[in-house]
Amino acid sequence: MPELPEVQTVVDFLKDKLSGKTIQSVHSPNGYASVFENGSLMDYQTFLSKRNIRSIWRRGKFIIMELDSGYLLFHLRMTGRIVLEIPNKSEFKYIS
């Protein structure tokens, strides 16, 4: 389980990469639906798609992402990992 300095490192990384960005979609590629504690994958897709990320901070070991409408709360649990997937641009015919 990550300690506070490790959680802060993740927050700093996420702030740098995600602040001001828009969430395009939400996936659970391994089918592990239990990761969504208060709803289904469909609920999270509906709530998060096309939301803008305003800011990211931590409160204790919880990572809080402020969206343009609501908040998303993360806990790193035992693994201490959040995986960001950047699409392979070569898969797209047109890129702007």
PDB file of N, CA and C in Angstrom:
ATOM      1  N   MET A   1       0.850  -1.180   0.000  1.00  0.00           N
ATOM      2  CA  MET A   1       0.000   0.000   0.000  1.00  0.00           C
ATOM      3  C   MET A   1       0.893   1.240   0.000  1.00  0.00           C
ATOM      4  N   PRO A   2       0.632   2.169  -0.912  1.00  0.00           N
ATOM      5  CA  PRO A   2       1.475   3.362  -0.996  1.00  0.00           C
ATOM      6  C   PRO A   2       1.324   4.269   0.225  1.00  0.00           C
ATOM      7  N   GLU A   3       2.421   4.891   0.598  1.00  0.00           N
ATOM      8  CA  GLU A   3       2.414   5.857   1.693  1.00  0.00           C
ATOM      9  C   GLU A   3       2.164   7.258   1.118  1.00  0.00           C
ATOM     10  N   LEU A   4       1.974   8.234   1.999  1.00  0.00           N
ATOM     11  CA  LEU A   4       1.627   9.592   1.553  1.00  0.00           C
ATOM     12  C   LEU A   4       2.587  10.183   0.513  1.00  0.00           C
ATOM     13  N   PRO A   5       3.906  10.055   0.678  1.00  0.00           N
ATOM     14  CA  PRO A   5       4.787  10.630  -0.354  1.00  0.00           C
ATOM     15  C   PRO A   5       4.572  10.008  -1.736  1.00  0.00           C
ATOM     16  N   GLU A   6       4.278   8.716  -1.780  1.00  0.00           N
ATOM     17  CA  GLU A   6       4.018   8.061  -3.068  1.00  0.00           C
ATOM     18  C   GLU A   6       2.700   8.542  -3.660  1.00  0.00           C
ATOM     19  N   VAL A   7       1.694   8.736  -2.814  1.00  0.00           N
ATOM     20  CA  VAL A   7       0.409   9.257  -3.288  1.00  0.00           C
ATOM     21  C   VAL A   7       0.610  10.670  -3.839  1.00  0.00           C
ATOM     22  N   GLN A   8       1.408  11.482  -3.156  1.00  0.00           N
ATOM     23  CA  GLN A   8       1.671  12.843  -3.630  1.00  0.00           C
ATOM     24  C   GLN A   8       2.396  12.826  -4.970  1.00  0.00           C
ATOM     25  N   THR A   9       3.291  11.870  -5.163  1.00  0.00           N
ATOM     26  CA  THR A   9       3.989  11.735  -6.444  1.00  0.00           C
ATOM     27  C   THR A   9       3.001  11.443  -7.566  1.00  0.00           C
ATOM     28  N   VAL A  10       2.027  10.577  -7.299  1.00  0.00           N
ATOM     29  CA  VAL A  10       0.994  10.265  -8.293  1.00  0.00           C
ATOM     30  C   VAL A  10       0.157  11.510  -8.581  1.00  0.00           C
ATOM     31  N   VAL A  11      -0.221  12.239  -7.539  1.00  0.00           N
ATOM     32  CA  VAL A  11      -1.005  13.471  -7.716  1.00  0.00           C
ATOM     33  C   VAL A  11      -0.235  14.470  -8.578  1.00  0.00           C
ATOM     34  N   ASP A  12       1.046  14.655  -8.288  1.00  0.00           N
ATOM     35  CA  ASP A  12       1.861  15.595  -9.070  1.00  0.00           C
ATOM     36  C   ASP A  12       1.923  15.179 -10.534  1.00  0.00           C
ATOM     37  N   PHE A  13       2.077  13.882 -10.784  1.00  0.00           N
ATOM     38  CA  PHE A  13       2.119  13.372 -12.153  1.00  0.00           C
ATOM     39  C   PHE A  13       0.789  13.621 -12.864  1.00  0.00           C
ATOM     40  N   LEU A  14      -0.322  13.281 -12.180  1.00  0.00           N
ATOM     41  CA  LEU A  14      -1.640  13.458 -12.786  1.00  0.00           C
ATOM     42  C   LEU A  14      -1.937  14.929 -13.056  1.00  0.00           C
ATOM     43  N   LYS A  15      -1.562  15.803 -12.120  1.00  0.00           N
ATOM     44  CA  LYS A  15      -1.767  17.248 -12.321  1.00  0.00           C
ATOM     45  C   LYS A  15      -1.081  17.716 -13.592  1.00  0.00           C
ATOM     46  N   ASP A  16       0.154  17.283 -13.752  1.00  0.00           N
ATOM     47  CA  ASP A  16       0.944  17.690 -14.913  1.00  0.00           C
ATOM     48  C   ASP A  16       0.337  17.181 -16.217  1.00  0.00           C
ATOM     49  N   LYS A  17      -0.160  15.954 -16.214  1.00  0.00           N
ATOM     50  CA  LYS A  17      -0.649  15.324 -17.440  1.00  0.00           C
ATOM     51  C   LYS A  17      -2.118  15.611 -17.748  1.00  0.00           C
ATOM     52  N   LEU A  18      -2.956  15.800 -16.708  1.00  0.00           N
ATOM     53  CA  LEU A  18      -4.402  15.811 -16.932  1.00  0.00           C
ATOM     54  C   LEU A  18      -5.124  17.130 -16.674  1.00  0.00           C
ATOM     55  N   SER A  19      -4.556  18.024 -15.897  1.00  0.00           N
ATOM     56  CA  SER A  19      -5.263  19.276 -15.595  1.00  0.00           C
ATOM     57  C   SER A  19      -5.589  20.023 -16.883  1.00  0.00           C
ATOM     58  N   GLY A  20      -6.851  20.422 -17.008  1.00  0.00           N
ATOM     59  CA  GLY A  20      -7.307  21.142 -18.188  1.00  0.00           C
ATOM     60  C   GLY A  20      -7.709  20.256 -19.351  1.00  0.00           C
ATOM     61  N   LYS A  21      -7.555  18.954 -19.209  1.00  0.00           N
ATOM     62  CA  LYS A  21      -7.899  18.019 -20.289  1.00  0.00           C
ATOM     63  C   LYS A  21      -9.357  17.574 -20.162  1.00  0.00           C
ATOM     64  N   THR A  22      -9.860  16.938 -21.211  1.00  0.00           N
ATOM     65  CA  THR A  22     -11.223  16.412 -21.242  1.00  0.00           C
ATOM     66  C   THR A  22     -11.171  14.890 -21.245  1.00  0.00           C
ATOM     67  N   ILE A  23     -11.999  14.270 -20.424  1.00  0.00           N
ATOM     68  CA  ILE A  23     -12.098  12.806 -20.397  1.00  0.00           C
ATOM     69  C   ILE A  23     -12.893  12.373 -21.616  1.00  0.00           C
ATOM     70  N   GLN A  24     -12.301  11.562 -22.460  1.00  0.00           N
ATOM     71  CA  GLN A  24     -12.967  11.102 -23.678  1.00  0.00           C
ATOM     72  C   GLN A  24     -13.820   9.867 -23.425  1.00  0.00           C
ATOM     73  N   SER A  25     -13.296   8.923 -22.646  1.00  0.00           N
ATOM     74  CA  SER A  25     -14.045   7.687 -22.401  1.00  0.00           C
ATOM     75  C   SER A  25     -13.484   6.985 -21.175  1.00  0.00           C
ATOM     76  N   VAL A  26     -14.222   6.005 -20.690  1.00  0.00           N
ATOM     77  CA  VAL A  26     -13.826   5.202 -19.536  1.00  0.00           C
ATOM     78  C   VAL A  26     -13.939   3.741 -19.936  1.00  0.00           C
ATOM     79  N   HIS A  27     -12.887   2.972 -19.655  1.00  0.00           N
ATOM     80  CA  HIS A  27     -12.875   1.554 -20.026  1.00  0.00           C
ATOM     81  C   HIS A  27     -12.429   0.702 -18.848  1.00  0.00           C
ATOM     82  N   SER A  28     -12.818  -0.539 -18.862  1.00  0.00           N
ATOM     83  CA  SER A  28     -12.293  -1.550 -17.951  1.00  0.00           C
ATOM     84  C   SER A  28     -11.834  -2.717 -18.812  1.00  0.00           C
ATOM     85  N   PRO A  29     -10.621  -2.609 -19.397  1.00  0.00           N
ATOM     86  CA  PRO A  29     -10.184  -3.588 -20.397  1.00  0.00           C
ATOM     87  C   PRO A  29     -10.083  -5.017 -19.882  1.00  0.00           C
ATOM     88  N   ASN A  30      -9.826  -5.179 -18.591  1.00  0.00           N
ATOM     89  CA  ASN A  30      -9.731  -6.538 -18.058  1.00  0.00           C
ATOM     90  C   ASN A  30     -11.062  -7.049 -17.519  1.00  0.00           C
ATOM     91  N   GLY A  31     -12.113  -6.250 -17.645  1.00  0.00           N
ATOM     92  CA  GLY A  31     -13.438  -6.679 -17.212  1.00  0.00           C
ATOM     93  C   GLY A  31     -13.643  -6.662 -15.708  1.00  0.00           C
ATOM     94  N   TYR A  32     -12.718  -6.081 -14.973  1.00  0.00           N
ATOM     95  CA  TYR A  32     -12.820  -6.046 -13.515  1.00  0.00           C
ATOM     96  C   TYR A  32     -13.757  -4.918 -13.103  1.00  0.00           C
ATOM     97  N   ALA A  33     -15.038  -5.233 -13.002  1.00  0.00           N
ATOM     98  CA  ALA A  33     -16.063  -4.219 -12.742  1.00  0.00           C
ATOM     99  C   ALA A  33     -16.087  -3.767 -11.286  1.00  0.00           C
ATOM    100  N   SER A  34     -15.502  -4.533 -10.366  1.00  0.00           N
ATOM    101  CA  SER A  34     -15.534  -4.178  -8.946  1.00  0.00           C
ATOM    102  C   SER A  34     -14.721  -2.926  -8.636  1.00  0.00           C
ATOM    103  N   VAL A  35     -13.904  -2.495  -9.580  1.00  0.00           N
ATOM    104  CA  VAL A  35     -13.113  -1.289  -9.363  1.00  0.00           C
ATOM    105  C   VAL A  35     -14.019  -0.056  -9.285  1.00  0.00           C
ATOM    106  N   PHE A  36     -15.206  -0.137  -9.850  1.00  0.00           N
ATOM    107  CA  PHE A  36     -16.179   0.956  -9.789  1.00  0.00           C
ATOM    108  C   PHE A  36     -17.067   0.709  -8.581  1.00  0.00           C
ATOM    109  N   GLU A  37     -16.741   1.382  -7.480  1.00  0.00           N
ATOM    110  CA  GLU A  37     -17.348   1.056  -6.201  1.00  0.00           C
ATOM    111  C   GLU A  37     -18.805   1.482  -6.073  1.00  0.00           C
ATOM    112  N   ASN A  38     -19.167   2.630  -6.623  1.00  0.00           N
ATOM    113  CA  ASN A  38     -20.516   3.163  -6.408  1.00  0.00           C
ATOM    114  C   ASN A  38     -21.355   3.191  -7.670  1.00  0.00           C
ATOM    115  N   GLY A  39     -21.184   2.232  -8.536  1.00  0.00           N
ATOM    116  CA  GLY A  39     -21.960   2.196  -9.768  1.00  0.00           C
ATOM    117  C   GLY A  39     -21.321   1.258 -10.767  1.00  0.00           C
ATOM    118  N   SER A  40     -21.959   1.143 -11.896  1.00  0.00           N
ATOM    119  CA  SER A  40     -21.464   0.257 -12.947  1.00  0.00           C
ATOM    120  C   SER A  40     -20.533   1.026 -13.887  1.00  0.00           C
ATOM    121  N   LEU A  41     -19.868   0.299 -14.759  1.00  0.00           N
ATOM    122  CA  LEU A  41     -19.030   0.927 -15.779  1.00  0.00           C
ATOM    123  C   LEU A  41     -19.869   1.882 -16.622  1.00  0.00           C
ATOM    124  N   MET A  42     -21.085   1.486 -16.943  1.00  0.00           N
ATOM    125  CA  MET A  42     -21.984   2.335 -17.736  1.00  0.00           C
ATOM    126  C   MET A  42     -22.285   3.646 -16.999  1.00  0.00           C
ATOM    127  N   ASP A  43     -22.509   3.574 -15.684  1.00  0.00           N
ATOM    128  CA  ASP A  43     -22.752   4.785 -14.891  1.00  0.00           C
ATOM    129  C   ASP A  43     -21.560   5.733 -14.971  1.00  0.00           C
ATOM    130  N   TYR A  44     -20.365   5.170 -14.838  1.00  0.00           N
ATOM    131  CA  TYR A  44     -19.157   5.995 -14.887  1.00  0.00           C
ATOM    132  C   TYR A  44     -18.925   6.563 -16.280  1.00  0.00           C
ATOM    133  N   GLN A  45     -19.205   5.782 -17.307  1.00  0.00           N
ATOM    134  CA  GLN A  45     -19.074   6.288 -18.674  1.00  0.00           C
ATOM    135  C   GLN A  45     -19.999   7.478 -18.892  1.00  0.00           C
ATOM    136  N   THR A  46     -21.233   7.349 -18.430  1.00  0.00           N
ATOM    137  CA  THR A  46     -22.214   8.426 -18.585  1.00  0.00           C
ATOM    138  C   THR A  46     -21.782   9.676 -17.823  1.00  0.00           C
ATOM    139  N   PHE A  47     -21.326   9.490 -16.588  1.00  0.00           N
ATOM    140  CA  PHE A  47     -20.954  10.625 -15.744  1.00  0.00           C
ATOM    141  C   PHE A  47     -19.664  11.306 -16.205  1.00  0.00           C
ATOM    142  N   LEU A  48     -18.672  10.523 -16.642  1.00  0.00           N
ATOM    143  CA  LEU A  48     -17.343  11.076 -16.892  1.00  0.00           C
ATOM    144  C   LEU A  48     -17.062  11.500 -18.328  1.00  0.00           C
ATOM    145  N   SER A  49     -17.734  10.899 -19.290  1.00  0.00           N
ATOM    146  CA  SER A  49     -17.434  11.217 -20.687  1.00  0.00           C
ATOM    147  C   SER A  49     -17.681  12.691 -20.986  1.00  0.00           C
ATOM    148  N   LYS A  50     -16.697  13.288 -21.631  1.00  0.00           N
ATOM    149  CA  LYS A  50     -16.731  14.700 -22.055  1.00  0.00           C
ATOM    150  C   LYS A  50     -16.645  15.689 -20.895  1.00  0.00           C
ATOM    151  N   ARG A  51     -16.238  15.233 -19.717  1.00  0.00           N
ATOM    152  CA  ARG A  51     -16.046  16.143 -18.576  1.00  0.00           C
ATOM    153  C   ARG A  51     -14.641  16.727 -18.616  1.00  0.00           C
ATOM    154  N   ASN A  52     -14.521  17.980 -18.238  1.00  0.00           N
ATOM    155  CA  ASN A  52     -13.221  18.642 -18.158  1.00  0.00           C
ATOM    156  C   ASN A  52     -12.651  18.484 -16.755  1.00  0.00           C
ATOM    157  N   ILE A  53     -11.343  18.264 -16.679  1.00  0.00           N
ATOM    158  CA  ILE A  53     -10.653  18.115 -15.402  1.00  0.00           C
ATOM    159  C   ILE A  53     -10.137  19.487 -14.990  1.00  0.00           C
ATOM    160  N   ARG A  54     -10.664  20.017 -13.894  1.00  0.00           N
ATOM    161  CA  ARG A  54     -10.272  21.353 -13.432  1.00  0.00           C
ATOM    162  C   ARG A  54      -9.011  21.314 -12.581  1.00  0.00           C
ATOM    163  N   SER A  55      -8.981  20.414 -11.593  1.00  0.00           N
ATOM    164  CA  SER A  55      -7.813  20.340 -10.716  1.00  0.00           C
ATOM    165  C   SER A  55      -7.735  18.963 -10.075  1.00  0.00           C
ATOM    166  N   ILE A  56      -6.557  18.664  -9.539  1.00  0.00           N
ATOM    167  CA  ILE A  56      -6.314  17.374  -8.890  1.00  0.00           C
ATOM    168  C   ILE A  56      -5.516  17.642  -7.621  1.00  0.00           C
ATOM    169  N   TRP A  57      -5.936  17.046  -6.513  1.00  0.00           N
ATOM    170  CA  TRP A  57      -5.224  17.163  -5.250  1.00  0.00           C
ATOM    171  C   TRP A  57      -5.473  15.906  -4.436  1.00  0.00           C
ATOM    172  N   ARG A  58      -4.878  15.839  -3.253  1.00  0.00           N
ATOM    173  CA  ARG A  58      -5.118  14.689  -2.386  1.00  0.00           C
ATOM    174  C   ARG A  58      -5.599  15.143  -1.023  1.00  0.00           C
ATOM    175  N   ARG A  59      -6.324  14.283  -0.388  1.00  0.00           N
ATOM    176  CA  ARG A  59      -6.749  14.464   1.003  1.00  0.00           C
ATOM    177  C   ARG A  59      -6.413  13.152   1.682  1.00  0.00           C
ATOM    178  N   GLY A  60      -5.371  13.147   2.500  1.00  0.00           N
ATOM    179  CA  GLY A  60      -4.879  11.885   3.032  1.00  0.00           C
ATOM    180  C   GLY A  60      -4.376  11.041   1.874  1.00  0.00           C
ATOM    181  N   LYS A  61      -4.822   9.802   1.799  1.00  0.00           N
ATOM    182  CA  LYS A  61      -4.412   8.910   0.712  1.00  0.00           C
ATOM    183  C   LYS A  61      -5.428   8.871  -0.424  1.00  0.00           C
ATOM    184  N   PHE A  62      -6.418   9.739  -0.382  1.00  0.00           N
ATOM    185  CA  PHE A  62      -7.401   9.811  -1.459  1.00  0.00           C
ATOM    186  C   PHE A  62      -6.978  10.867  -2.474  1.00  0.00           C
ATOM    187  N   ILE A  63      -7.118  10.545  -3.747  1.00  0.00           N
ATOM    188  CA  ILE A  63      -6.838  11.479  -4.830  1.00  0.00           C
ATOM    189  C   ILE A  63      -8.178  12.017  -5.310  1.00  0.00           C
ATOM    190  N   ILE A  64      -8.304  13.331  -5.349  1.00  0.00           N
ATOM    191  CA  ILE A  64      -9.561  13.972  -5.720  1.00  0.00           C
ATOM    192  C   ILE A  64      -9.360  14.712  -7.037  1.00  0.00           C
ATOM    193  N   MET A  65     -10.226  14.407  -7.982  1.00  0.00           N
ATOM    194  CA  MET A  65     -10.192  15.059  -9.282  1.00  0.00           C
ATOM    195  C   MET A  65     -11.448  15.919  -9.390  1.00  0.00           C
ATOM    196  N   GLU A  66     -11.263  17.236  -9.452  1.00  0.00           N
ATOM    197  CA  GLU A  66     -12.401  18.140  -9.617  1.00  0.00           C
ATOM    198  C   GLU A  66     -12.717  18.253 -11.099  1.00  0.00           C
ATOM    199  N   LEU A  67     -13.955  17.952 -11.440  1.00  0.00           N
ATOM    200  CA  LEU A  67     -14.415  18.030 -12.824  1.00  0.00           C
ATOM    201  C   LEU A  67     -15.266  19.279 -12.991  1.00  0.00           C
ATOM    202  N   ASP A  68     -15.635  19.594 -14.217  1.00  0.00           N
ATOM    203  CA  ASP A  68     -16.497  20.751 -14.431  1.00  0.00           C
ATOM    204  C   ASP A  68     -17.876  20.531 -13.833  1.00  0.00           C
ATOM    205  N   SER A  69     -18.213  19.293 -13.550  1.00  0.00           N
ATOM    206  CA  SER A  69     -19.484  18.974 -12.905  1.00  0.00           C
ATOM    207  C   SER A  69     -19.270  17.787 -11.974  1.00  0.00           C
ATOM    208  N   GLY A  70     -18.887  18.060 -10.745  1.00  0.00           N
ATOM    209  CA  GLY A  70     -18.702  16.998  -9.771  1.00  0.00           C
ATOM    210  C   GLY A  70     -17.244  16.671  -9.506  1.00  0.00           C
ATOM    211  N   TYR A  71     -17.037  15.575  -8.794  1.00  0.00           N
ATOM    212  CA  TYR A  71     -15.713  15.140  -8.377  1.00  0.00           C
ATOM    213  C   TYR A  71     -15.572  13.646  -8.623  1.00  0.00           C
ATOM    214  N   LEU A  72     -14.334  13.214  -8.819  1.00  0.00           N
ATOM    215  CA  LEU A  72     -14.013  11.798  -8.920  1.00  0.00           C
ATOM    216  C   LEU A  72     -12.958  11.514  -7.865  1.00  0.00           C
ATOM    217  N   LEU A  73     -13.198  10.498  -7.050  1.00  0.00           N
ATOM    218  CA  LEU A  73     -12.325  10.162  -5.935  1.00  0.00           C
ATOM    219  C   LEU A  73     -11.618   8.849  -6.227  1.00  0.00           C
ATOM    220  N   PHE A  74     -10.294   8.824  -6.061  1.00  0.00           N
ATOM    221  CA  PHE A  74      -9.490   7.621  -6.264  1.00  0.00           C
ATOM    222  C   PHE A  74      -8.814   7.224  -4.967  1.00  0.00           C
ATOM    223  N   HIS A  75      -8.596   5.931  -4.799  1.00  0.00           N
ATOM    224  CA  HIS A  75      -7.695   5.415  -3.772  1.00  0.00           C
ATOM    225  C   HIS A  75      -6.821   4.388  -4.458  1.00  0.00           C
ATOM    226  N   LEU A  76      -5.536   4.417  -4.190  1.00  0.00           N
ATOM    227  CA  LEU A  76      -4.609   3.542  -4.897  1.00  0.00           C
ATOM    228  C   LEU A  76      -4.643   2.093  -4.410  1.00  0.00           C
ATOM    229  N   ARG A  77      -5.354   1.840  -3.326  1.00  0.00           N
ATOM    230  CA  ARG A  77      -5.488   0.479  -2.779  1.00  0.00           C
ATOM    231  C   ARG A  77      -4.120  -0.147  -2.567  1.00  0.00           C
ATOM    232  N   MET A  78      -3.996  -1.423  -2.897  1.00  0.00           N
ATOM    233  CA  MET A  78      -2.753  -2.148  -2.629  1.00  0.00           C
ATOM    234  C   MET A  78      -1.706  -1.969  -3.729  1.00  0.00           C
ATOM    235  N   THR A  79      -2.136  -1.749  -4.960  1.00  0.00           N
ATOM    236  CA  THR A  79      -1.180  -1.713  -6.069  1.00  0.00           C
ATOM    237  C   THR A  79      -0.445  -0.391  -6.178  1.00  0.00           C
ATOM    238  N   GLY A  80      -1.115   0.698  -5.822  1.00  0.00           N
ATOM    239  CA  GLY A  80      -0.494   2.002  -5.949  1.00  0.00           C
ATOM    240  C   GLY A  80      -0.360   2.479  -7.378  1.00  0.00           C
ATOM    241  N   ARG A  81      -1.260   2.011  -8.249  1.00  0.00           N
ATOM    242  CA  ARG A  81      -1.133   2.349  -9.669  1.00  0.00           C
ATOM    243  C   ARG A  81      -2.420   2.920 -10.239  1.00  0.00           C
ATOM    244  N   ILE A  82      -2.250   3.876 -11.126  1.00  0.00           N
ATOM    245  CA  ILE A  82      -3.314   4.342 -12.010  1.00  0.00           C
ATOM    246  C   ILE A  82      -2.719   4.254 -13.407  1.00  0.00           C
ATOM    247  N   VAL A  83      -3.443   3.653 -14.319  1.00  0.00           N
ATOM    248  CA  VAL A  83      -2.938   3.477 -15.676  1.00  0.00           C
ATOM    249  C   VAL A  83      -3.656   4.449 -16.601  1.00  0.00           C
ATOM    250  N   LEU A  84      -2.889   5.293 -17.267  1.00  0.00           N
ATOM    251  CA  LEU A  84      -3.433   6.201 -18.273  1.00  0.00           C
ATOM    252  C   LEU A  84      -3.122   5.608 -19.628  1.00  0.00           C
ATOM    253  N   GLU A  85      -4.110   5.558 -20.483  1.00  0.00           N
ATOM    254  CA  GLU A  85      -3.903   5.007 -21.822  1.00  0.00           C
ATOM    255  C   GLU A  85      -3.960   6.132 -22.840  1.00  0.00           C
ATOM    256  N   ILE A  86      -2.885   6.286 -23.557  1.00  0.00           N
ATOM    257  CA  ILE A  86      -2.835   7.277 -24.627  1.00  0.00           C
ATOM    258  C   ILE A  86      -3.027   6.529 -25.932  1.00  0.00           C
ATOM    259  N   PRO A  87      -4.045   6.893 -26.705  1.00  0.00           N
ATOM    260  CA  PRO A  87      -4.324   6.150 -27.939  1.00  0.00           C
ATOM    261  C   PRO A  87      -3.140   6.175 -28.898  1.00  0.00           C
ATOM    262  N   ASN A  88      -2.983   5.088 -29.616  1.00  0.00           N
ATOM    263  CA  ASN A  88      -1.948   4.992 -30.635  1.00  0.00           C
ATOM    264  C   ASN A  88      -2.413   5.796 -31.843  1.00  0.00           C
ATOM    265  N   LYS A  89      -1.751   6.895 -32.134  1.00  0.00           N
ATOM    266  CA  LYS A  89      -2.194   7.791 -33.206  1.00  0.00           C
ATOM    267  C   LYS A  89      -2.134   7.137 -34.577  1.00  0.00           C
ATOM    268  N   SER A  90      -1.313   6.108 -34.730  1.00  0.00           N
ATOM    269  CA  SER A  90      -1.230   5.454 -36.038  1.00  0.00           C
ATOM    270  C   SER A  90      -2.509   4.682 -36.366  1.00  0.00           C
ATOM    271  N   GLU A  91      -3.364   4.453 -35.364  1.00  0.00           N
ATOM    272  CA  GLU A  91      -4.625   3.752 -35.599  1.00  0.00           C
ATOM    273  C   GLU A  91      -5.661   4.656 -36.267  1.00  0.00           C
ATOM    274  N   PHE A  92      -5.445   5.961 -36.239  1.00  0.00           N
ATOM    275  CA  PHE A  92      -6.420   6.897 -36.756  1.00  0.00           C
ATOM    276  C   PHE A  92      -6.004   7.393 -38.139  1.00  0.00           C
ATOM    277  N   LYS A  93      -6.966   7.502 -39.015  1.00  0.00           N
ATOM    278  CA  LYS A  93      -6.675   7.954 -40.370  1.00  0.00           C
ATOM    279  C   LYS A  93      -6.352   9.446 -40.401  1.00  0.00           C
ATOM    280  N   TYR A  94      -7.116  10.229 -39.642  1.00  0.00           N
ATOM    281  CA  TYR A  94      -6.925  11.675 -39.626  1.00  0.00           C
ATOM    282  C   TYR A  94      -6.676  12.133 -38.198  1.00  0.00           C
ATOM    283  N   ILE A  95      -5.648  12.917 -38.020  1.00  0.00           N
ATOM    284  CA  ILE A  95      -5.302  13.453 -36.710  1.00  0.00           C
ATOM    285  C   ILE A  95      -5.250  14.969 -36.822  1.00  0.00           C
ATOM    286  N   SER A  96      -5.874  15.649 -35.858  1.00  0.00           N
ATOM    287  CA  SER A  96      -5.783  17.112 -35.882  1.00  0.00           C
ATOM    288  C   SER A  96      -4.939  17.595 -34.735  1.00  0.00           C
TER     289      SER A  96
END
